[in-house]
Amino acid sequence: MTKKLFALISVVIIATLLLAACGTPATEAPAATEAAATAAATEAPVATEAAEPVTITWWHITTKDPGLTEFQKMADDYMAMHPNVKIEITVLENEAFKTKLTTVMQSGEVPDIFQSWGQGGMIEQVNAGLLKDISADLKGEWGDSLGALDAFAVDGKNYGVPWDMGAVTFWYNKDLFAKAGVEVPTTWSEFLTVCEKLKAAGITPISVGEGDKWPGMHIWAYLVSRIGGAEAFSAAAATGDARTGSFNDEAFVQAGYELKKLVDAGYFQEGFLGATHDQMNATFGNGEAAMELGGQWSPSVEKANSADGVGVKNMGMFNFPAVEGGKGLVTDLVGGGNGFAIGKDAEPEAIDFVKYLTNLDNQKIVASTGMGIPVAKGASESIADPNMVMVADAVANSTYYQLYFDQVLPSAMGSIINDAVQKIFAGTATPEEVCAEIEAGFLAQ
């Protein structure tokens, strides 16, 4: 697997071209004949002929503000500038989106623009002939202005673009840490000690949403990365002669046992097995848990789902701790981001709209409102939220960047990993059994 580091640096200014119609006032021409006047009248409609109406379908998963309102405004502004274009927006919660997209994909119907995480799922969609190659559109100014394009490319061709790239890290409530008398841990043993002290102080250490499965999977993935280093996953996830590892290898099994320590010690909130991602963020946002492992979206989501709409007022962030004796570093990151894939039947106007969504001005809005970590070069300077600054700094200073396990692999494999790891949380399978299930699923692909 190619190792990539997505850094958000340098400046490229995207210029907006404003087209203005110019004319001179008409003066009466006594010598003009009736025939000339008739000719002028018949020519006028040609010059002012309205563009053909176009409808663009856009599916995204930004269900909460600030992103929900900002995306709507971007669409409204674009339609105001292009009266012939109608943008039909469908907003879906993450899991509902995946389910509905799978259904429409099977029918061959594809939205013009839709949420994508790139790589694994995108590769399947490309192989099925469901996406449009936009490589030619990206040549030049637009493509030069964006970073992280490789995450949305297959065999060197782009079928979508990113709008946000960040990392999964621990978010914590500084006030609850102070109440328990604990400090930010840098090693796994320190982390376990922090959890125990928080619990002793009557504070739930960690909020997790295992009803959606993937939030807890990231804990296991990080442990794999910390124990086995970059090589563990790349060796197991490779295919053919390049595959030198297995999901049964020690790093994966040991990661399961380290995760099991958190479960057995009771460090998660009550009802964590059925909690959704939003409920996980509500627990953290309401001050009912000291930590949660989440991405760059977490601060805005916990705020949106908190009872007071404000969330954790004194919040900090730290990288997933290093495991003693492991090959991974505390500066190695697991992460990814959000992007827009382009459906196979998308009109040129749909591509132009995505170009508009990712221009420098709109990427600065992503930065300044805390929607995410922008990918347009020069937009990161507009990051106002100190939480997003911390994520951007973590990405910029990372020593290795691993895309989400369940996204870099084919979608079916991602589901297998999420389902299997949940069994550790539920206590229904041993780490060895979980790893054997993942390995069997991989070999069956």
Protein backbone atom coordinates (compact mmCIF):
# COMPACT_ATOMS: atom_id res chain seq x y z
CA MET A 1 0.00 0.00 0.00
CA THR A 2 1.35 3.41 -0.92
CA LYS A 3 2.17 5.53 2.09
CA LYS A 4 0.76 9.03 1.79
CA LEU A 5 0.93 12.15 3.86
CA PHE A 6 -1.70 14.69 3.08
CA ALA A 7 -0.28 18.06 4.10
CA LEU A 8 -2.27 21.26 3.86
CA ILE A 9 0.36 23.80 2.74
CA SER A 10 1.27 26.50 0.16
CA VAL A 11 -0.93 29.10 -1.48
CA VAL A 12 -2.69 29.08 -4.83
CA ILE A 13 -5.25 31.84 -5.45
CA ILE A 14 -8.28 30.80 -7.49
CA ALA A 15 -9.52 33.75 -9.56
CA THR A 16 -13.23 34.08 -10.23
CA LEU A 17 -14.08 35.12 -13.77
CA LEU A 18 -16.94 37.60 -13.94
CA LEU A 19 -18.63 37.90 -17.29
CA ALA A 20 -20.36 41.22 -17.88
CA ALA A 21 -22.43 42.11 -20.92
CA CYS A 22 -21.52 45.45 -22.42
CA GLY A 23 -23.65 47.62 -24.72
CA THR A 24 -24.13 51.12 -26.01
CA PRO A 25 -27.40 53.00 -25.82
CA ALA A 26 -29.47 52.90 -29.00
CA THR A 27 -30.07 56.18 -30.81
CA GLU A 28 -32.88 56.82 -33.23
CA ALA A 29 -31.83 56.37 -36.85
CA PRO A 30 -34.28 58.16 -39.12
CA ALA A 31 -32.85 56.47 -42.17
CA ALA A 32 -33.46 52.97 -40.81
CA THR A 33 -35.85 51.02 -42.94
CA GLU A 34 -38.65 48.81 -41.70
CA ALA A 35 -36.77 45.81 -43.08
CA ALA A 36 -33.68 46.68 -41.05
CA ALA A 37 -35.76 47.06 -37.90
CA THR A 38 -37.37 43.69 -38.52
CA ALA A 39 -33.97 42.09 -39.04
CA ALA A 40 -32.68 43.54 -35.77
CA ALA A 41 -35.73 42.24 -33.95
CA THR A 42 -35.24 38.71 -35.25
CA GLU A 43 -31.54 38.70 -34.37
CA ALA A 44 -32.01 39.88 -30.77
CA PRO A 45 -33.37 36.59 -29.34
CA VAL A 46 -30.29 34.74 -30.61
CA ALA A 47 -28.00 36.94 -28.52
CA THR A 48 -30.11 36.57 -25.35
CA GLU A 49 -31.22 32.96 -25.72
CA ALA A 50 -31.51 31.31 -22.27
CA ALA A 51 -29.36 28.30 -21.48
CA GLU A 52 -31.05 24.91 -21.41
CA PRO A 53 -32.38 23.96 -17.96
CA VAL A 54 -30.23 21.46 -16.06
CA THR A 55 -31.03 19.55 -12.86
CA ILE A 56 -28.16 18.41 -10.63
CA THR A 57 -28.68 15.81 -7.91
CA TRP A 58 -26.39 16.17 -4.90
CA TRP A 59 -26.27 13.79 -1.93
CA HIS A 60 -24.23 14.68 1.13
CA ILE A 61 -24.04 13.59 4.78
CA THR A 62 -23.50 16.94 6.50
CA THR A 63 -26.64 16.81 8.62
CA LYS A 64 -25.61 19.39 11.22
CA ASP A 65 -24.58 23.03 11.25
CA PRO A 66 -22.42 24.79 10.35
CA GLY A 67 -22.01 22.56 7.30
CA LEU A 68 -25.70 21.95 6.64
CA THR A 69 -26.47 25.65 6.31
CA GLU A 70 -23.25 26.53 4.50
CA PHE A 71 -23.67 23.83 1.84
CA GLN A 72 -27.25 24.97 1.24
CA LYS A 73 -26.09 28.57 0.85
CA MET A 74 -23.37 27.53 -1.61
CA ALA A 75 -25.98 25.74 -3.70
CA ASP A 76 -28.37 28.71 -3.50
CA ASP A 77 -25.64 31.14 -4.53
CA TYR A 78 -24.62 28.95 -7.46
CA MET A 79 -28.22 28.70 -8.68
CA ALA A 80 -28.57 32.48 -8.41
CA MET A 81 -25.54 32.85 -10.67
CA HIS A 82 -26.79 30.14 -13.03
CA PRO A 83 -30.59 30.52 -13.34
CA ASN A 84 -30.85 27.54 -15.67
CA VAL A 85 -29.42 25.18 -13.03
CA LYS A 86 -31.55 23.50 -10.37
CA ILE A 87 -29.70 21.64 -7.59
CA GLU A 88 -31.72 18.96 -5.83
CA ILE A 89 -30.07 18.22 -2.48
CA THR A 90 -30.57 15.03 -0.49
CA VAL A 91 -29.10 15.10 3.02
CA LEU A 92 -28.69 11.74 4.72
CA GLU A 93 -27.18 10.50 7.97
CA ASN A 94 -23.97 8.53 7.39
CA GLU A 95 -25.34 4.99 7.72
CA ALA A 96 -28.59 5.82 5.91
CA PHE A 97 -26.53 7.30 3.07
CA LYS A 98 -24.47 4.12 2.67
CA THR A 99 -27.60 1.97 2.59
CA LYS A 100 -29.47 4.14 0.10
CA LEU A 101 -26.45 4.64 -2.15
CA THR A 102 -25.89 0.87 -2.34
CA THR A 103 -29.51 0.41 -3.41
CA VAL A 104 -29.44 3.03 -6.16
CA MET A 105 -26.04 1.85 -7.37
CA GLN A 106 -27.43 -1.65 -7.86
CA SER A 107 -30.13 -0.19 -10.08
CA GLY A 108 -27.54 1.69 -12.13
CA GLU A 109 -28.93 5.07 -11.04
CA VAL A 110 -26.23 7.34 -9.68
CA PRO A 111 -26.53 10.84 -8.16
CA ASP A 112 -24.60 13.45 -10.12
CA ILE A 113 -22.59 14.40 -7.02
CA PHE A 114 -22.36 12.39 -3.83
CA GLN A 115 -20.36 11.91 -0.65
CA SER A 116 -17.24 9.80 -1.07
CA TRP A 117 -14.27 8.76 1.05
CA GLY A 118 -12.29 7.66 -2.00
CA GLN A 119 -10.19 4.54 -2.42
CA GLY A 120 -11.90 1.17 -1.68
CA GLY A 121 -15.52 2.06 -2.34
CA MET A 122 -14.60 4.36 -5.21
CA ILE A 123 -12.57 1.62 -6.89
CA GLU A 124 -15.62 -0.66 -6.89
CA GLN A 125 -17.81 2.11 -8.33
CA VAL A 126 -15.27 2.83 -11.06
CA ASN A 127 -14.99 -0.85 -11.96
CA ALA A 128 -18.78 -1.00 -12.21
CA GLY A 129 -18.77 1.92 -14.65
CA LEU A 130 -20.76 4.17 -12.31
CA LEU A 131 -18.43 7.19 -12.09
CA LYS A 132 -17.25 9.85 -14.54
CA ASP A 133 -13.57 10.46 -15.23
CA ILE A 134 -12.96 14.15 -14.50
CA SER A 135 -9.17 14.09 -14.97
CA ALA A 136 -9.33 16.45 -17.95
CA ASP A 137 -11.37 18.95 -15.92
CA LEU A 138 -8.76 18.92 -13.16
CA LYS A 139 -5.85 19.72 -15.46
CA GLY A 140 -4.64 23.22 -14.83
CA GLU A 141 -5.86 25.76 -12.32
CA TRP A 142 -8.51 23.67 -10.50
CA GLY A 143 -6.36 20.59 -10.03
CA ASP A 144 -3.31 22.65 -9.12
CA SER A 145 -5.29 24.36 -6.37
CA LEU A 146 -6.24 21.17 -4.48
CA GLY A 147 -4.27 18.79 -2.30
CA ALA A 148 -5.03 15.12 -1.49
CA LEU A 149 -6.31 14.36 -5.00
CA ASP A 150 -4.68 10.93 -4.98
CA ALA A 151 -7.20 9.71 -2.41
CA PHE A 152 -9.91 10.14 -5.06
CA ALA A 153 -8.01 8.65 -7.97
CA VAL A 154 -8.07 5.14 -9.44
CA ASP A 155 -5.27 4.04 -11.76
CA GLY A 156 -4.17 7.63 -12.12
CA LYS A 157 -7.59 8.96 -13.11
CA ASN A 158 -9.75 11.17 -10.89
CA TYR A 159 -13.42 10.44 -10.35
CA GLY A 160 -13.95 12.90 -7.54
CA VAL A 161 -12.27 15.51 -5.38
CA PRO A 162 -11.79 16.01 -1.64
CA TRP A 163 -13.10 18.96 0.30
CA ASP A 164 -11.88 18.00 3.78
CA MET A 165 -8.95 15.88 4.98
CA GLY A 166 -8.01 15.35 8.61
CA ALA A 167 -7.25 12.71 11.19
CA VAL A 168 -8.77 10.62 13.95
CA THR A 169 -7.51 11.73 17.36
CA PHE A 170 -8.62 11.74 20.99
CA TRP A 171 -10.76 14.69 22.06
CA TYR A 172 -10.92 15.29 25.80
CA ASN A 173 -12.68 17.41 28.39
CA LYS A 174 -10.00 19.41 30.18
CA ASP A 175 -12.27 20.16 33.14
CA LEU A 176 -12.98 16.48 33.75
CA PHE A 177 -9.27 15.68 33.45
CA ALA A 178 -8.54 18.35 36.07
CA LYS A 179 -11.28 16.99 38.34
CA ALA A 180 -9.70 13.53 38.25
CA GLY A 181 -6.17 14.95 38.56
CA VAL A 182 -4.89 13.39 35.34
CA GLU A 183 -2.79 14.67 32.45
CA VAL A 184 -2.66 13.88 28.76
CA PRO A 185 -1.11 10.42 28.23
CA THR A 186 1.52 9.70 25.59
CA THR A 187 1.85 5.94 26.13
CA TRP A 188 -0.74 3.17 26.31
CA SER A 189 0.07 2.28 29.92
CA GLU A 190 -0.37 5.94 30.86
CA PHE A 191 -3.69 5.96 28.98
CA LEU A 192 -4.97 2.95 30.95
CA THR A 193 -3.92 4.67 34.19
CA VAL A 194 -5.81 7.83 33.16
CA CYS A 195 -8.91 5.76 32.42
CA GLU A 196 -8.73 4.07 35.82
CA LYS A 197 -8.35 7.37 37.68
CA LEU A 198 -11.24 8.91 35.77
CA LYS A 199 -13.45 5.95 36.62
CA ALA A 200 -12.39 6.15 40.28
CA ALA A 201 -13.46 9.80 40.28
CA GLY A 202 -16.93 8.82 39.06
CA ILE A 203 -16.28 9.94 35.50
CA THR A 204 -16.91 7.74 32.44
CA PRO A 205 -13.53 7.65 30.66
CA ILE A 206 -14.56 7.09 27.02
CA SER A 207 -17.66 7.59 24.90
CA VAL A 208 -18.03 5.29 21.87
CA GLY A 209 -20.83 4.58 19.38
CA GLU A 210 -20.72 0.86 18.74
CA GLY A 211 -24.23 0.84 17.34
CA ASP A 212 -22.61 2.20 14.19
CA LYS A 213 -19.58 -0.09 14.63
CA TRP A 214 -16.98 2.04 12.84
CA PRO A 215 -16.32 4.47 15.73
CA GLY A 216 -14.96 1.66 17.89
CA MET A 217 -13.15 0.03 14.99
CA HIS A 218 -10.83 3.05 14.90
CA ILE A 219 -9.57 2.19 18.40
CA TRP A 220 -8.58 -1.28 17.19
CA ALA A 221 -7.07 0.11 13.97
CA TYR A 222 -4.93 2.54 15.93
CA LEU A 223 -3.73 -0.23 18.24
CA VAL A 224 -2.77 -2.29 15.19
CA SER A 225 -0.85 0.70 13.83
CA ARG A 226 0.87 1.39 17.15
CA ILE A 227 1.83 -2.26 17.72
CA GLY A 228 2.74 -3.36 14.19
CA GLY A 229 3.69 -0.05 12.60
CA ALA A 230 2.83 0.88 9.03
CA GLU A 231 4.00 -2.51 7.79
CA ALA A 232 1.38 -4.58 9.62
CA PHE A 233 -1.66 -3.35 7.73
CA SER A 234 0.07 -2.85 4.38
CA ALA A 235 1.42 -6.42 4.46
CA ALA A 236 -1.99 -7.91 5.33
CA ALA A 237 -4.03 -5.73 2.95
CA ALA A 238 -1.84 -6.31 -0.11
CA THR A 239 -2.85 -8.77 -2.80
CA GLY A 240 -1.08 -11.39 -4.88
CA ASP A 241 2.66 -11.83 -4.51
CA ALA A 242 2.87 -8.47 -2.71
CA ARG A 243 0.99 -9.89 0.26
CA THR A 244 3.48 -10.78 2.96
CA GLY A 245 1.22 -10.62 6.01
CA SER A 246 -2.13 -11.74 7.37
CA PHE A 247 -4.91 -10.37 9.56
CA ASN A 248 -4.05 -13.27 11.88
CA ASP A 249 -0.62 -11.73 12.57
CA GLU A 250 0.40 -10.82 16.11
CA ALA A 251 -0.21 -7.07 15.76
CA PHE A 252 -3.91 -7.62 14.95
CA VAL A 253 -4.45 -10.20 17.70
CA GLN A 254 -2.63 -8.17 20.35
CA ALA A 255 -4.62 -5.07 19.34
CA GLY A 256 -7.76 -7.06 20.11
CA TYR A 257 -6.51 -7.92 23.59
CA GLU A 258 -5.56 -4.31 24.33
CA LEU A 259 -9.02 -3.18 23.23
CA LYS A 260 -10.54 -5.90 25.41
CA LYS A 261 -8.84 -4.30 28.44
CA LEU A 262 -10.96 -1.18 27.92
CA VAL A 263 -14.15 -3.23 27.61
CA ASP A 264 -13.45 -5.50 30.59
CA ALA A 265 -12.53 -2.56 32.84
CA GLY A 266 -15.82 -0.77 32.09
CA TYR A 267 -14.26 2.34 30.60
CA PHE A 268 -17.09 3.01 28.11
CA GLN A 269 -20.43 4.68 28.77
CA GLU A 270 -23.54 2.70 29.67
CA GLY A 271 -25.31 1.43 26.55
CA PHE A 272 -22.28 1.91 24.29
CA LEU A 273 -23.05 -1.20 22.25
CA GLY A 274 -26.26 0.32 20.90
CA ALA A 275 -25.15 3.96 20.80
CA THR A 276 -24.99 5.70 17.44
CA HIS A 277 -22.25 8.09 16.42
CA ASP A 278 -24.50 11.07 17.24
CA GLN A 279 -25.33 9.60 20.67
CA MET A 280 -21.65 9.02 21.32
CA ASN A 281 -21.02 12.71 20.59
CA ALA A 282 -23.97 13.76 22.74
CA THR A 283 -22.53 11.82 25.70
CA PHE A 284 -19.19 13.55 25.28
CA GLY A 285 -20.74 16.95 24.47
CA ASN A 286 -22.92 16.82 27.59
CA GLY A 287 -19.88 16.24 29.79
CA GLU A 288 -20.88 12.66 30.59
CA ALA A 289 -17.58 11.18 29.35
CA ALA A 290 -14.05 12.52 29.45
CA MET A 291 -12.84 11.36 26.02
CA GLU A 292 -13.90 10.24 22.58
CA LEU A 293 -11.88 9.07 19.60
CA GLY A 294 -13.09 10.93 16.54
CA GLY A 295 -12.15 12.89 13.46
CA GLN A 296 -11.94 16.54 12.54
CA TRP A 297 -15.74 16.58 12.45
CA SER A 298 -16.07 15.70 16.15
CA PRO A 299 -16.03 19.20 17.71
CA SER A 300 -18.90 20.45 15.56
CA VAL A 301 -20.87 17.19 15.90
CA GLU A 302 -20.57 17.02 19.70
CA LYS A 303 -21.63 20.65 19.87
CA ALA A 304 -24.64 20.06 17.60
CA ASN A 305 -25.75 17.01 19.60
CA SER A 306 -25.21 18.46 23.07
CA ALA A 307 -28.24 19.46 25.15
CA ASP A 308 -27.20 23.13 25.33
CA GLY A 309 -25.96 23.39 21.75
CA VAL A 310 -22.56 24.48 23.05
CA GLY A 311 -20.90 21.24 24.06
CA VAL A 312 -17.55 20.92 25.78
CA LYS A 313 -16.36 24.45 26.52
CA ASN A 314 -12.83 23.51 27.56
CA MET A 315 -11.73 20.87 25.06
CA GLY A 316 -8.33 19.54 24.09
CA MET A 317 -6.90 17.01 21.68
CA PHE A 318 -4.09 14.46 21.74
CA ASN A 319 -2.73 11.80 19.42
CA PHE A 320 -3.50 8.15 20.08
CA PRO A 321 -0.84 7.02 22.59
CA ALA A 322 2.15 4.89 21.60
CA VAL A 323 2.15 1.26 22.73
CA GLU A 324 5.30 0.33 24.61
CA GLY A 325 7.45 -1.99 22.52
CA GLY A 326 5.39 -1.34 19.39
CA LYS A 327 6.75 -0.31 16.01
CA GLY A 328 4.38 2.63 15.52
CA LEU A 329 5.04 6.20 16.63
CA VAL A 330 2.73 8.55 18.51
CA THR A 331 2.92 10.84 15.47
CA ASP A 332 1.61 8.15 13.08
CA LEU A 333 -1.98 8.96 12.13
CA VAL A 334 -5.08 7.12 11.02
CA GLY A 335 -7.36 9.42 9.10
CA GLY A 336 -9.05 10.43 5.91
CA GLY A 337 -11.60 12.91 4.82
CA ASN A 338 -14.64 13.76 2.79
CA GLY A 339 -15.03 14.32 -0.90
CA PHE A 340 -17.47 14.44 -3.79
CA ALA A 341 -17.65 11.66 -6.36
CA ILE A 342 -19.10 12.42 -9.80
CA GLY A 343 -21.79 10.12 -11.22
CA LYS A 344 -21.41 8.66 -14.71
CA ASP A 345 -24.25 10.70 -16.23
CA ALA A 346 -23.36 14.03 -14.63
CA GLU A 347 -23.70 17.06 -16.89
CA PRO A 348 -20.84 19.57 -17.27
CA GLU A 349 -22.77 21.88 -14.94
CA ALA A 350 -22.41 19.33 -12.11
CA ILE A 351 -18.65 19.33 -12.50
CA ASP A 352 -18.65 23.12 -12.61
CA PHE A 353 -20.68 23.19 -9.39
CA VAL A 354 -18.14 20.93 -7.64
CA LYS A 355 -15.42 23.23 -8.90
CA TYR A 356 -17.36 26.09 -7.30
CA LEU A 357 -17.80 24.16 -4.03
CA THR A 358 -14.05 23.62 -3.77
CA ASN A 359 -12.84 27.04 -4.87
CA LEU A 360 -10.66 29.06 -2.52
CA ASP A 361 -13.48 31.25 -1.21
CA ASN A 362 -15.72 28.33 -0.28
CA GLN A 363 -12.80 26.34 1.15
CA LYS A 364 -12.07 29.34 3.36
CA ILE A 365 -15.66 29.05 4.62
CA VAL A 366 -15.00 25.38 5.43
CA ALA A 367 -11.96 26.53 7.37
CA SER A 368 -13.43 29.55 9.15
CA THR A 369 -16.67 27.87 10.25
CA GLY A 370 -15.02 24.70 11.54
CA MET A 371 -16.73 22.46 8.97
CA GLY A 372 -13.47 20.64 8.40
CA ILE A 373 -9.85 20.86 7.30
CA PRO A 374 -9.81 22.41 3.79
CA VAL A 375 -7.73 21.00 0.94
CA ALA A 376 -7.51 24.10 -1.26
CA LYS A 377 -4.04 25.54 -1.01
CA GLY A 378 -4.15 28.77 0.96
CA ALA A 379 -7.49 28.05 2.66
CA SER A 380 -5.96 26.65 5.86
CA GLU A 381 -4.90 30.19 6.74
CA SER A 382 -8.59 30.89 7.43
CA ILE A 383 -8.96 28.18 10.08
CA ALA A 384 -10.41 30.00 13.09
CA ASP A 385 -11.38 27.09 15.31
CA PRO A 386 -8.39 26.19 17.52
CA ASN A 387 -9.59 22.57 17.44
CA MET A 388 -9.18 22.47 13.66
CA VAL A 389 -5.78 24.11 13.97
CA MET A 390 -4.72 21.24 16.23
CA VAL A 391 -5.86 18.66 13.68
CA ALA A 392 -4.16 20.49 10.81
CA ASP A 393 -0.93 20.65 12.82
CA ALA A 394 -1.16 16.94 13.66
CA VAL A 395 -1.53 16.08 9.97
CA ALA A 396 1.29 18.42 8.95
CA ASN A 397 3.61 16.89 11.56
CA SER A 398 2.64 13.25 11.11
CA THR A 399 5.30 10.65 10.41
CA TYR A 400 2.90 8.27 8.65
CA TYR A 401 -0.69 8.60 7.41
CA GLN A 402 -2.95 5.54 7.23
CA LEU A 403 -6.32 5.85 5.53
CA TYR A 404 -9.26 4.38 7.49
CA PHE A 405 -9.13 0.57 7.41
CA ASP A 406 -12.80 0.29 6.41
CA GLN A 407 -12.44 2.81 3.58
CA VAL A 408 -9.15 1.91 1.96
CA LEU A 409 -10.35 -1.68 1.44
CA PRO A 410 -13.36 -2.72 -0.70
CA SER A 411 -16.67 -1.81 0.95
CA ALA A 412 -17.60 -5.43 1.67
CA MET A 413 -14.29 -5.89 3.47
CA GLY A 414 -14.88 -2.72 5.47
CA SER A 415 -18.16 -4.14 6.73
CA ILE A 416 -16.46 -7.41 7.65
CA ILE A 417 -13.86 -5.57 9.74
CA ASN A 418 -16.46 -3.40 11.49
CA ASP A 419 -18.74 -6.36 12.24
CA ALA A 420 -15.90 -8.53 13.51
CA VAL A 421 -14.32 -5.89 15.77
CA GLN A 422 -17.70 -5.14 17.34
CA LYS A 423 -17.64 -8.68 18.73
CA ILE A 424 -14.71 -7.69 20.95
CA PHE A 425 -16.83 -4.86 22.36
CA ALA A 426 -19.74 -7.27 22.84
CA GLY A 427 -17.53 -10.01 24.30
CA THR A 428 -18.91 -12.58 21.87
CA ALA A 429 -15.61 -13.57 20.24
CA THR A 430 -11.96 -13.75 21.18
CA PRO A 431 -9.39 -11.57 19.43
CA GLU A 432 -8.11 -14.67 17.64
CA GLU A 433 -11.60 -15.49 16.39
CA VAL A 434 -12.15 -11.91 15.27
CA CYS A 435 -8.88 -11.86 13.31
CA ALA A 436 -9.66 -15.25 11.75
CA GLU A 437 -13.03 -13.89 10.60
CA ILE A 438 -11.38 -10.85 9.02
CA GLU A 439 -8.75 -12.98 7.32
CA ALA A 440 -11.37 -15.38 5.94
CA GLY A 441 -13.37 -12.45 4.62
CA PHE A 442 -10.29 -10.99 2.93
CA LEU A 443 -9.42 -14.26 1.24
CA ALA A 444 -12.98 -14.61 0.01
CA GLN A 445 -12.92 -11.26 -1.82
